[in-house]
Amino acid sequence: MELESLKREIKEVIISALELEDIKPEDIVDSEPLFGDGLGLDSIDALELGVALKKHFGVKFSSENEENRSHFASVDALAAYISREQAQEAAR
């Protein structure tokens, strides 16, 4: 999947899963933080988003994995992680 279309799809999943009614995909900056100062998501949002991304893209996030914070840093980071995971899955 092309990276730009993957990023758009991630944004659509974020908006849908978290019911962000006043936000459109183009309102979310790829490199901006998803938590805190950026989009303003919190830990509950992270759980909901992780479940939605797993359902939509088939990728898994482990609660024990210290790298999760970096995967959820931005849309760019999520796209890189999902792309890498899908490529590894396809290679199996």
N, C-alpha and C. Protein backbone atom coordinates (compact mmCIF):
# COMPACT_ATOMS: atom_id res chain seq x y z
N MET A 1 0.85 -1.18 0.00
CA MET A 1 0.00 0.00 0.00
C MET A 1 0.89 1.24 0.00
N GLU A 2 0.51 2.20 -0.82
CA GLU A 2 1.28 3.43 -0.89
C GLU A 2 1.19 4.18 0.44
N LEU A 3 2.30 4.76 0.85
CA LEU A 3 2.39 5.40 2.17
C LEU A 3 1.38 6.53 2.35
N GLU A 4 1.17 7.35 1.34
CA GLU A 4 0.23 8.48 1.47
C GLU A 4 -1.20 7.98 1.65
N SER A 5 -1.58 6.94 0.92
CA SER A 5 -2.94 6.41 1.08
C SER A 5 -3.08 5.70 2.42
N LEU A 6 -1.99 5.09 2.90
CA LEU A 6 -2.00 4.45 4.22
C LEU A 6 -2.21 5.52 5.30
N LYS A 7 -1.52 6.64 5.18
CA LYS A 7 -1.67 7.72 6.17
C LYS A 7 -3.10 8.25 6.18
N ARG A 8 -3.70 8.40 5.01
CA ARG A 8 -5.09 8.88 4.94
C ARG A 8 -6.02 7.86 5.61
N GLU A 9 -5.78 6.59 5.35
CA GLU A 9 -6.61 5.55 5.94
C GLU A 9 -6.47 5.54 7.47
N ILE A 10 -5.25 5.73 7.97
CA ILE A 10 -5.01 5.81 9.42
C ILE A 10 -5.80 6.97 10.00
N LYS A 11 -5.75 8.12 9.34
CA LYS A 11 -6.48 9.29 9.82
C LYS A 11 -7.98 9.01 9.86
N GLU A 12 -8.49 8.32 8.85
CA GLU A 12 -9.91 7.99 8.82
C GLU A 12 -10.27 7.04 9.96
N VAL A 13 -9.38 6.09 10.27
CA VAL A 13 -9.62 5.18 11.39
C VAL A 13 -9.60 5.96 12.71
N ILE A 14 -8.66 6.87 12.87
CA ILE A 14 -8.59 7.70 14.08
C ILE A 14 -9.90 8.46 14.27
N ILE A 15 -10.36 9.12 13.23
CA ILE A 15 -11.58 9.93 13.30
C ILE A 15 -12.79 9.06 13.61
N SER A 16 -12.89 7.94 12.93
CA SER A 16 -14.03 7.05 13.11
C SER A 16 -14.02 6.39 14.49
N ALA A 17 -12.89 5.80 14.86
CA ALA A 17 -12.80 5.06 16.12
C ALA A 17 -13.02 5.95 17.34
N LEU A 18 -12.54 7.18 17.26
CA LEU A 18 -12.61 8.09 18.40
C LEU A 18 -13.76 9.09 18.28
N GLU A 19 -14.56 8.91 17.22
CA GLU A 19 -15.73 9.76 16.99
C GLU A 19 -15.38 11.24 17.06
N LEU A 20 -14.35 11.61 16.33
CA LEU A 20 -13.91 13.01 16.28
C LEU A 20 -14.72 13.73 15.20
N GLU A 21 -15.89 14.19 15.56
CA GLU A 21 -16.86 14.71 14.59
C GLU A 21 -16.43 15.98 13.88
N ASP A 22 -15.66 16.82 14.51
CA ASP A 22 -15.30 18.12 13.92
C ASP A 22 -13.95 18.10 13.21
N ILE A 23 -13.38 16.91 13.00
CA ILE A 23 -12.06 16.81 12.39
C ILE A 23 -12.16 16.02 11.09
N LYS A 24 -11.48 16.52 10.06
CA LYS A 24 -11.39 15.82 8.78
C LYS A 24 -9.96 15.29 8.64
N PRO A 25 -9.75 14.26 7.81
CA PRO A 25 -8.39 13.73 7.65
C PRO A 25 -7.35 14.80 7.32
N GLU A 26 -7.72 15.76 6.49
CA GLU A 26 -6.76 16.80 6.11
C GLU A 26 -6.43 17.76 7.25
N ASP A 27 -7.21 17.71 8.33
CA ASP A 27 -6.92 18.54 9.51
C ASP A 27 -5.80 17.96 10.37
N ILE A 28 -5.51 16.68 10.20
CA ILE A 28 -4.50 16.01 11.02
C ILE A 28 -3.16 16.07 10.29
N VAL A 29 -2.18 16.68 10.93
CA VAL A 29 -0.84 16.81 10.35
C VAL A 29 -0.07 15.51 10.60
N ASP A 30 0.49 14.94 9.53
CA ASP A 30 1.17 13.63 9.61
C ASP A 30 2.23 13.56 10.69
N SER A 31 3.00 14.63 10.84
CA SER A 31 4.13 14.62 11.77
C SER A 31 3.78 15.13 13.16
N GLU A 32 2.57 15.64 13.34
CA GLU A 32 2.17 16.22 14.62
C GLU A 32 1.89 15.12 15.65
N PRO A 33 2.21 15.36 16.91
CA PRO A 33 1.94 14.35 17.95
C PRO A 33 0.44 14.05 18.04
N LEU A 34 0.12 12.78 18.27
CA LEU A 34 -1.28 12.39 18.45
C LEU A 34 -1.74 12.69 19.88
N PHE A 35 -0.80 12.71 20.81
CA PHE A 35 -1.13 12.90 22.22
C PHE A 35 -0.58 14.23 22.70
N GLY A 36 -1.15 14.73 23.77
CA GLY A 36 -0.66 15.98 24.36
C GLY A 36 -0.93 17.18 23.48
N ASP A 37 0.12 17.90 23.13
CA ASP A 37 -0.02 19.17 22.41
C ASP A 37 -0.58 19.03 21.00
N GLY A 38 -0.42 17.88 20.39
CA GLY A 38 -0.87 17.70 19.01
C GLY A 38 -2.37 17.55 18.91
N LEU A 39 -2.81 16.35 18.60
CA LEU A 39 -4.24 16.08 18.44
C LEU A 39 -4.96 16.03 19.78
N GLY A 40 -4.19 15.86 20.85
CA GLY A 40 -4.77 15.93 22.19
C GLY A 40 -5.40 14.63 22.69
N LEU A 41 -4.99 13.50 22.13
CA LEU A 41 -5.54 12.22 22.58
C LEU A 41 -5.00 11.86 23.96
N ASP A 42 -5.72 10.97 24.67
CA ASP A 42 -5.27 10.51 25.99
C ASP A 42 -5.12 8.99 25.99
N SER A 43 -4.83 8.41 27.15
CA SER A 43 -4.55 6.97 27.23
C SER A 43 -5.76 6.11 26.89
N ILE A 44 -6.95 6.56 27.20
CA ILE A 44 -8.16 5.83 26.83
C ILE A 44 -8.29 5.81 25.31
N ASP A 45 -8.03 6.96 24.69
CA ASP A 45 -8.04 7.04 23.22
C ASP A 45 -7.03 6.07 22.62
N ALA A 46 -5.88 5.95 23.27
CA ALA A 46 -4.83 5.06 22.76
C ALA A 46 -5.32 3.61 22.73
N LEU A 47 -6.02 3.20 23.78
CA LEU A 47 -6.56 1.83 23.82
C LEU A 47 -7.58 1.62 22.71
N GLU A 48 -8.51 2.55 22.57
CA GLU A 48 -9.53 2.44 21.54
C GLU A 48 -8.91 2.44 20.15
N LEU A 49 -7.94 3.31 19.96
CA LEU A 49 -7.27 3.41 18.67
C LEU A 49 -6.49 2.14 18.36
N GLY A 50 -5.81 1.58 19.36
CA GLY A 50 -5.07 0.33 19.16
C GLY A 50 -5.98 -0.80 18.70
N VAL A 51 -7.15 -0.91 19.30
CA VAL A 51 -8.13 -1.93 18.92
C VAL A 51 -8.62 -1.70 17.49
N ALA A 52 -8.94 -0.45 17.17
CA ALA A 52 -9.43 -0.11 15.83
C ALA A 52 -8.37 -0.39 14.76
N LEU A 53 -7.12 -0.05 15.04
CA LEU A 53 -6.04 -0.28 14.08
C LEU A 53 -5.81 -1.78 13.88
N LYS A 54 -5.92 -2.55 14.97
CA LYS A 54 -5.77 -4.00 14.88
C LYS A 54 -6.86 -4.58 13.98
N LYS A 55 -8.09 -4.16 14.20
CA LYS A 55 -9.21 -4.64 13.38
C LYS A 55 -9.05 -4.25 11.92
N HIS A 56 -8.68 -3.01 11.69
CA HIS A 56 -8.62 -2.48 10.33
C HIS A 56 -7.42 -2.98 9.53
N PHE A 57 -6.25 -2.99 10.16
CA PHE A 57 -5.02 -3.31 9.45
C PHE A 57 -4.44 -4.68 9.80
N GLY A 58 -4.95 -5.31 10.84
CA GLY A 58 -4.44 -6.62 11.23
C GLY A 58 -3.10 -6.57 11.95
N VAL A 59 -2.75 -5.42 12.50
CA VAL A 59 -1.49 -5.30 13.24
C VAL A 59 -1.78 -5.39 14.73
N LYS A 60 -0.80 -5.87 15.46
CA LYS A 60 -0.97 -6.05 16.91
C LYS A 60 -0.07 -5.09 17.67
N PHE A 61 -0.58 -4.66 18.80
CA PHE A 61 0.20 -3.83 19.72
C PHE A 61 0.18 -4.55 21.06
N SER A 62 1.36 -4.79 21.61
CA SER A 62 1.45 -5.49 22.90
C SER A 62 1.51 -4.46 24.03
N SER A 63 0.73 -4.71 25.07
CA SER A 63 0.74 -3.77 26.20
C SER A 63 2.09 -3.75 26.92
N GLU A 64 2.86 -4.82 26.75
CA GLU A 64 4.18 -4.87 27.38
C GLU A 64 5.28 -4.25 26.53
N ASN A 65 4.94 -3.88 25.31
CA ASN A 65 5.95 -3.38 24.38
C ASN A 65 6.24 -1.90 24.65
N GLU A 66 7.46 -1.61 25.01
CA GLU A 66 7.88 -0.23 25.30
C GLU A 66 7.87 0.64 24.04
N GLU A 67 7.92 0.01 22.87
CA GLU A 67 7.96 0.77 21.62
C GLU A 67 6.59 1.34 21.24
N ASN A 68 5.51 0.89 21.89
CA ASN A 68 4.18 1.37 21.54
C ASN A 68 4.09 2.89 21.56
N ARG A 69 4.72 3.50 22.55
CA ARG A 69 4.68 4.96 22.64
C ARG A 69 5.25 5.59 21.37
N SER A 70 6.32 5.04 20.86
CA SER A 70 6.90 5.60 19.63
C SER A 70 6.04 5.28 18.41
N HIS A 71 5.38 4.12 18.39
CA HIS A 71 4.49 3.78 17.26
C HIS A 71 3.32 4.75 17.18
N PHE A 72 2.82 5.19 18.33
CA PHE A 72 1.67 6.08 18.39
C PHE A 72 2.06 7.55 18.46
N ALA A 73 3.31 7.88 18.18
CA ALA A 73 3.77 9.26 18.29
C ALA A 73 3.08 10.19 17.30
N SER A 74 2.83 9.70 16.08
CA SER A 74 2.24 10.53 15.03
C SER A 74 1.65 9.61 13.96
N VAL A 75 0.96 10.21 13.00
CA VAL A 75 0.45 9.44 11.87
C VAL A 75 1.64 8.86 11.08
N ASP A 76 2.70 9.65 10.93
CA ASP A 76 3.91 9.16 10.25
C ASP A 76 4.44 7.89 10.92
N ALA A 77 4.53 7.92 12.24
CA ALA A 77 5.07 6.77 12.99
C ALA A 77 4.15 5.56 12.86
N LEU A 78 2.84 5.78 12.94
CA LEU A 78 1.89 4.67 12.79
C LEU A 78 1.99 4.07 11.39
N ALA A 79 2.09 4.92 10.38
CA ALA A 79 2.19 4.45 9.00
C ALA A 79 3.45 3.61 8.80
N ALA A 80 4.56 4.06 9.36
CA ALA A 80 5.81 3.31 9.25
C ALA A 80 5.68 1.94 9.93
N TYR A 81 5.09 1.92 11.11
CA TYR A 81 4.91 0.66 11.85
C TYR A 81 3.98 -0.29 11.10
N ILE A 82 2.84 0.20 10.67
CA ILE A 82 1.87 -0.65 9.97
C ILE A 82 2.45 -1.17 8.67
N SER A 83 3.13 -0.32 7.94
CA SER A 83 3.76 -0.72 6.68
C SER A 83 4.79 -1.82 6.91
N ARG A 84 5.61 -1.65 7.95
CA ARG A 84 6.64 -2.64 8.29
C ARG A 84 5.99 -3.97 8.69
N GLU A 85 4.97 -3.91 9.53
CA GLU A 85 4.28 -5.12 9.99
C GLU A 85 3.62 -5.86 8.83
N GLN A 86 2.97 -5.12 7.94
CA GLN A 86 2.30 -5.75 6.80
C GLN A 86 3.32 -6.38 5.85
N ALA A 87 4.46 -5.73 5.68
CA ALA A 87 5.51 -6.28 4.82
C ALA A 87 6.07 -7.58 5.42
N GLN A 88 6.27 -7.59 6.74
CA GLN A 88 6.77 -8.80 7.40
C GLN A 88 5.75 -9.92 7.30
N GLU A 89 4.47 -9.59 7.45
CA GLU A 89 3.41 -10.59 7.36
C GLU A 89 3.34 -11.17 5.95
N ALA A 90 3.49 -10.31 4.95
CA ALA A 90 3.45 -10.75 3.56
C ALA A 90 4.63 -11.65 3.22
N ALA A 91 5.77 -11.42 3.89
CA ALA A 91 6.98 -12.20 3.63
C ALA A 91 6.91 -13.60 4.24
N ARG A 92 6.00 -13.79 5.19
CA ARG A 92 5.90 -15.09 5.87
C ARG A 92 5.23 -16.13 5.02
